[in-house]
Amino acid sequence: MSSFNLTKWYADCVSEDGHAAILYHASLCIAGVPLHYESLLTKSHGSPAQVRSSVRLQSRISLQESYLGWKSGAWEASGMWKDFSSGVRETLYTEANNSLEWNCFAPRASASVRIGQQCIEGWGYAECIRLSIPPWRLPIRTLRWGRFVNAQDSFTWIEWSGPSQKQVVYLNGVASVAASITDDCVALGHGQGELHLDQKEVIREGHLGATALTLFAKTGLFPDSVLNMHEQKWLTSAVFKRSGRPDSVGWAIHEVVEWP
């Protein structure tokens, strides 16, 4: 059995006017030590992100065939993702008996997140990662991930470079190929279209030890090679352009993570 096991849920929701909520809910066992982490990040268009984080198990997730529910009494918050579009699932990497499993069960969902009296409603996305390989052993130097969602389209991309090269692209539930993936544009092959990402707002930027993993930075559980990974995450008003079709406008959340 692996000495490292991570299950990480990710779900987001962005309203039509650019108010976003991002949920992380993770369970980790490392060297026999069980850990829990959850974070709720909110961002209003034009304003800095606000983050609540905890290493206590204070919320619950329920995944059913047609919806994902989440509730935190401590934060007086809850979320619902429903009316899923076609999900996709892949094993992204294997090493001996260990693997990185990606389950994107909601490439597009009707979503709502309530925090106290505030309610964010719009289109959302949800996935679950199961990882039994320590991330510092993955053959990656640069990772790009993103999702674009609106009433018509769902577009998800993953690309990593380094000792191993990997690209995963899905458009409306169908596997595709990107000619290029950058922080500003994802261009599909064979002239299928281009997603323009040039109206970015920073959600989070910095080394993981000072951002996503700040609560674990001084525990000694993660090596410097993880704490010093650099992340940039954006909320972007994006446009998907296809020849002979009207522009598809919506919100994208995307990121680049660079290993030290």
Protein backbone atom coordinates (compact mmCIF):
# COMPACT_ATOMS: atom_id res chain seq x y z
CA MET A 1 0.00 0.00 0.00
CA SER A 2 1.25 3.47 -0.86
CA SER A 3 2.49 5.70 1.99
CA PHE A 4 0.78 8.61 0.21
CA ASN A 5 -2.93 8.77 -0.59
CA LEU A 6 -4.82 11.93 -1.52
CA THR A 7 -8.45 12.44 -2.45
CA LYS A 8 -9.11 16.02 -3.50
CA TRP A 9 -12.48 17.43 -4.49
CA TYR A 10 -12.61 20.66 -6.46
CA ALA A 11 -15.80 22.52 -7.34
CA ASP A 12 -16.45 26.06 -8.54
CA CYS A 13 -19.26 28.40 -9.45
CA VAL A 14 -19.15 31.72 -11.31
CA SER A 15 -22.12 34.04 -11.66
CA GLU A 16 -22.91 35.90 -14.86
CA ASP A 17 -21.37 39.11 -13.46
CA GLY A 18 -18.12 37.43 -12.40
CA HIS A 19 -18.61 36.54 -8.73
CA ALA A 20 -16.78 33.27 -8.10
CA ALA A 21 -16.65 30.63 -5.38
CA ILE A 22 -14.06 27.83 -5.38
CA LEU A 23 -14.21 24.87 -3.00
CA TYR A 24 -11.35 22.51 -2.14
CA HIS A 25 -12.03 19.50 0.09
CA ALA A 26 -9.15 17.06 0.58
CA SER A 27 -8.32 13.98 2.64
CA LEU A 28 -4.68 12.93 2.79
CA CYS A 29 -2.70 10.15 4.43
CA ILE A 30 1.05 10.68 4.32
CA ALA A 31 3.51 8.37 6.10
CA GLY A 32 0.62 7.04 8.17
CA VAL A 33 -0.51 10.51 9.27
CA PRO A 34 -4.15 11.29 8.33
CA LEU A 35 -4.84 14.91 7.40
CA HIS A 36 -7.80 16.92 6.23
CA TYR A 37 -7.88 20.23 4.40
CA GLU A 38 -10.63 22.39 3.07
CA SER A 39 -10.76 25.84 1.63
CA LEU A 40 -13.49 28.13 0.34
CA LEU A 41 -12.26 30.95 -1.86
CA THR A 42 -14.52 33.74 -3.05
CA LYS A 43 -13.76 36.49 -5.51
CA SER A 44 -15.82 39.39 -6.78
CA HIS A 45 -15.08 40.82 -10.19
CA GLY A 46 -12.52 43.61 -9.69
CA SER A 47 -11.78 42.78 -6.02
CA PRO A 48 -9.15 40.61 -4.29
CA ALA A 49 -10.01 37.03 -3.37
CA GLN A 50 -11.13 36.13 0.16
CA VAL A 51 -10.17 32.73 1.60
CA ARG A 52 -11.41 30.55 4.46
CA SER A 53 -9.23 27.52 5.23
CA SER A 54 -9.25 24.77 7.84
CA VAL A 55 -7.45 21.53 8.68
CA ARG A 56 -10.47 20.33 10.64
CA LEU A 57 -13.12 18.07 9.18
CA GLN A 58 -15.98 20.55 9.41
CA SER A 59 -17.98 19.92 6.24
CA ARG A 60 -19.44 17.05 4.29
CA ILE A 61 -19.72 16.21 0.61
CA SER A 62 -22.43 14.09 -0.98
CA LEU A 63 -22.05 12.92 -4.57
CA GLN A 64 -25.14 11.42 -6.14
CA GLU A 65 -25.86 10.48 -9.74
CA SER A 66 -27.22 13.91 -10.64
CA TYR A 67 -25.79 16.32 -8.09
CA LEU A 68 -22.94 17.19 -5.74
CA GLY A 69 -23.86 18.72 -2.40
CA TRP A 70 -21.55 20.37 0.13
CA LYS A 71 -22.29 21.89 3.53
CA SER A 72 -20.21 23.53 6.27
CA GLY A 73 -21.94 24.49 9.50
CA ALA A 74 -18.81 26.22 10.82
CA TRP A 75 -18.71 28.58 7.84
CA GLU A 76 -22.51 28.79 7.49
CA ALA A 77 -21.99 27.83 3.87
CA SER A 78 -23.34 25.29 1.41
CA GLY A 79 -23.16 24.49 -2.28
CA MET A 80 -25.03 22.53 -4.91
CA TRP A 81 -23.90 21.41 -8.37
CA LYS A 82 -26.57 19.69 -10.47
CA ASP A 83 -27.77 18.98 -14.04
CA PHE A 84 -24.36 17.60 -14.99
CA SER A 85 -23.21 17.48 -18.59
CA SER A 86 -21.40 14.33 -19.74
CA GLY A 87 -18.58 13.47 -17.35
CA VAL A 88 -15.14 12.15 -18.28
CA ARG A 89 -12.67 10.01 -16.39
CA GLU A 90 -9.04 9.15 -17.08
CA THR A 91 -5.97 7.66 -15.46
CA LEU A 92 -3.44 10.41 -16.09
CA TYR A 93 -0.35 8.62 -14.80
CA THR A 94 0.70 5.27 -13.38
CA GLU A 95 3.85 4.17 -11.58
CA ALA A 96 4.10 0.57 -10.36
CA ASN A 97 0.79 0.00 -8.52
CA ASN A 98 0.16 3.71 -7.90
CA SER A 99 -1.71 6.19 -10.06
CA LEU A 100 -3.19 9.62 -10.64
CA GLU A 101 -6.92 9.27 -11.32
CA TRP A 102 -8.95 12.21 -12.67
CA ASN A 103 -12.74 12.06 -12.45
CA CYS A 104 -14.34 15.12 -14.02
CA PHE A 105 -17.91 14.19 -13.22
CA ALA A 106 -19.30 17.68 -13.88
CA PRO A 107 -17.56 19.49 -16.77
CA ARG A 108 -20.58 21.79 -16.66
CA ALA A 109 -23.20 22.09 -13.94
CA SER A 110 -25.87 24.47 -12.78
CA ALA A 111 -24.30 25.66 -9.54
CA SER A 112 -25.00 27.74 -6.45
CA VAL A 113 -22.94 28.52 -3.36
CA ARG A 114 -24.44 30.21 -0.30
CA ILE A 115 -22.25 31.84 2.38
CA GLY A 116 -24.30 33.40 5.13
CA GLN A 117 -26.73 35.73 3.35
CA GLN A 118 -24.67 35.83 0.15
CA CYS A 119 -25.62 33.55 -2.73
CA ILE A 120 -23.57 33.01 -5.88
CA GLU A 121 -25.45 31.31 -8.72
CA GLY A 122 -24.25 30.45 -12.19
CA TRP A 123 -22.40 27.81 -14.14
CA GLY A 124 -19.88 25.60 -12.41
CA TYR A 125 -17.48 22.71 -12.70
CA ALA A 126 -16.52 19.83 -10.37
CA GLU A 127 -13.88 17.09 -10.33
CA CYS A 128 -12.20 14.63 -7.99
CA ILE A 129 -8.51 13.68 -8.05
CA ARG A 130 -7.21 10.49 -6.43
CA LEU A 131 -3.45 10.35 -6.14
CA SER A 132 -1.33 7.58 -4.60
CA ILE A 133 1.98 9.01 -5.85
CA PRO A 134 3.58 11.90 -3.93
CA PRO A 135 3.34 14.99 -6.18
CA TRP A 136 7.08 15.59 -5.84
CA ARG A 137 7.61 12.27 -7.67
CA LEU A 138 5.41 13.13 -10.65
CA PRO A 139 7.44 13.68 -13.84
CA ILE A 140 6.18 17.26 -14.28
CA ARG A 141 7.90 20.61 -14.44
CA THR A 142 4.98 22.76 -15.63
CA LEU A 143 1.24 22.06 -15.33
CA ARG A 144 -1.54 23.98 -17.03
CA TRP A 145 -5.18 23.29 -16.19
CA GLY A 146 -8.37 25.13 -16.97
CA ARG A 147 -12.08 25.01 -17.54
CA PHE A 148 -14.48 27.20 -19.55
CA VAL A 149 -18.22 26.88 -19.02
CA ASN A 150 -21.39 28.57 -20.24
CA ALA A 151 -24.90 27.51 -21.26
CA GLN A 152 -23.69 26.05 -24.57
CA ASP A 153 -20.15 24.83 -24.02
CA SER A 154 -17.90 23.00 -21.59
CA PHE A 155 -14.18 23.02 -22.34
CA THR A 156 -11.56 21.43 -20.07
CA TRP A 157 -7.81 21.18 -20.62
CA ILE A 158 -4.81 19.69 -18.82
CA GLU A 159 -1.26 19.86 -20.09
CA TRP A 160 1.99 19.08 -18.38
CA SER A 161 5.55 19.21 -19.58
CA GLY A 162 8.78 17.81 -18.16
CA PRO A 163 10.24 14.28 -18.21
CA SER A 164 6.72 13.15 -19.17
CA GLN A 165 4.45 14.99 -21.61
CA LYS A 166 0.68 14.85 -21.23
CA GLN A 167 -2.28 16.61 -22.78
CA VAL A 168 -5.98 16.06 -22.04
CA VAL A 169 -8.61 18.20 -23.78
CA TYR A 170 -12.37 17.76 -23.78
CA LEU A 171 -14.89 19.94 -25.63
CA ASN A 172 -18.52 19.25 -24.77
CA GLY A 173 -17.69 15.76 -23.54
CA VAL A 174 -15.68 14.75 -26.62
CA ALA A 175 -11.91 14.21 -26.52
CA SER A 176 -10.00 16.70 -28.64
CA VAL A 177 -6.43 17.83 -29.30
CA ALA A 178 -4.95 21.29 -28.75
CA ALA A 179 -2.45 22.72 -31.18
CA SER A 180 -1.19 24.97 -28.38
CA ILE A 181 -2.02 25.79 -24.76
CA THR A 182 -0.77 29.02 -23.21
CA ASP A 183 -1.89 31.31 -20.39
CA ASP A 184 -3.66 33.52 -22.96
CA CYS A 185 -5.11 31.12 -25.54
CA VAL A 186 -6.04 27.49 -26.08
CA ALA A 187 -6.04 26.71 -29.79
CA LEU A 188 -7.64 23.43 -30.84
CA GLY A 189 -6.18 21.42 -33.67
CA HIS A 190 -7.76 21.07 -37.13
CA GLY A 191 -9.25 24.57 -36.89
CA GLN A 192 -11.84 23.55 -34.31
CA GLY A 193 -11.62 26.87 -32.53
CA GLU A 194 -9.68 29.09 -30.15
CA LEU A 195 -10.42 30.03 -26.56
CA HIS A 196 -9.12 33.53 -25.86
CA LEU A 197 -8.06 34.18 -22.26
CA ASP A 198 -6.74 37.73 -22.39
CA GLN A 199 -9.00 39.36 -19.76
CA LYS A 200 -7.44 37.70 -16.71
CA GLU A 201 -7.89 38.63 -13.05
CA VAL A 202 -5.56 37.00 -10.52
CA ILE A 203 -7.30 34.72 -8.03
CA ARG A 204 -4.13 33.48 -6.34
CA GLU A 205 -0.41 33.76 -7.02
CA GLY A 206 2.69 32.63 -5.15
CA HIS A 207 4.52 29.60 -3.80
CA LEU A 208 2.21 26.84 -2.51
CA GLY A 209 3.80 27.11 0.94
CA ALA A 210 2.44 30.64 1.14
CA THR A 211 -0.92 30.02 -0.61
CA ALA A 212 -2.71 26.66 -0.87
CA LEU A 213 -0.47 24.86 1.65
CA THR A 214 0.19 27.67 4.10
CA LEU A 215 -1.43 25.70 6.95
CA PHE A 216 1.09 22.88 6.39
CA ALA A 217 4.18 24.97 5.65
CA LYS A 218 5.84 24.37 9.02
CA THR A 219 4.73 20.79 9.68
CA GLY A 220 7.60 19.10 7.84
CA LEU A 221 5.14 16.84 6.00
CA PHE A 222 5.88 18.35 2.60
CA PRO A 223 9.36 18.82 1.10
CA ASP A 224 10.57 22.18 -0.17
CA SER A 225 10.07 20.92 -3.73
CA VAL A 226 6.30 21.05 -3.07
CA LEU A 227 6.17 24.16 -0.88
CA ASN A 228 8.20 26.07 -3.48
CA MET A 229 5.97 25.18 -6.42
CA HIS A 230 4.71 28.43 -7.93
CA GLU A 231 1.03 28.81 -8.78
CA GLN A 232 -0.87 31.40 -10.76
CA LYS A 233 -4.65 31.01 -10.89
CA TRP A 234 -6.95 33.33 -12.84
CA LEU A 235 -10.62 34.16 -13.32
CA THR A 236 -11.08 35.20 -16.94
CA SER A 237 -13.89 36.55 -19.05
CA ALA A 238 -13.19 34.33 -22.06
CA VAL A 239 -14.36 34.01 -25.65
CA PHE A 240 -14.43 30.76 -27.63
CA LYS A 241 -14.23 31.49 -31.36
CA ARG A 242 -15.18 28.98 -34.04
CA SER A 243 -15.34 29.62 -37.76
CA GLY A 244 -18.89 30.17 -39.02
CA ARG A 245 -20.42 30.20 -35.55
CA PRO A 246 -21.26 32.98 -33.08
CA ASP A 247 -18.70 33.70 -30.35
CA SER A 248 -19.25 31.67 -27.18
CA VAL A 249 -18.70 33.92 -24.15
CA GLY A 250 -18.30 32.72 -20.58
CA TRP A 251 -16.04 32.53 -17.55
CA ALA A 252 -12.87 30.49 -17.36
CA ILE A 253 -10.86 29.49 -14.31
CA HIS A 254 -7.35 28.38 -15.20
CA GLU A 255 -3.89 28.06 -13.74
CA VAL A 256 -0.22 27.33 -14.32
CA VAL A 257 1.88 25.54 -11.68
CA GLU A 258 5.65 25.42 -12.01
CA TRP A 259 7.88 22.99 -10.12
CA PRO A 260 11.10 24.49 -8.67
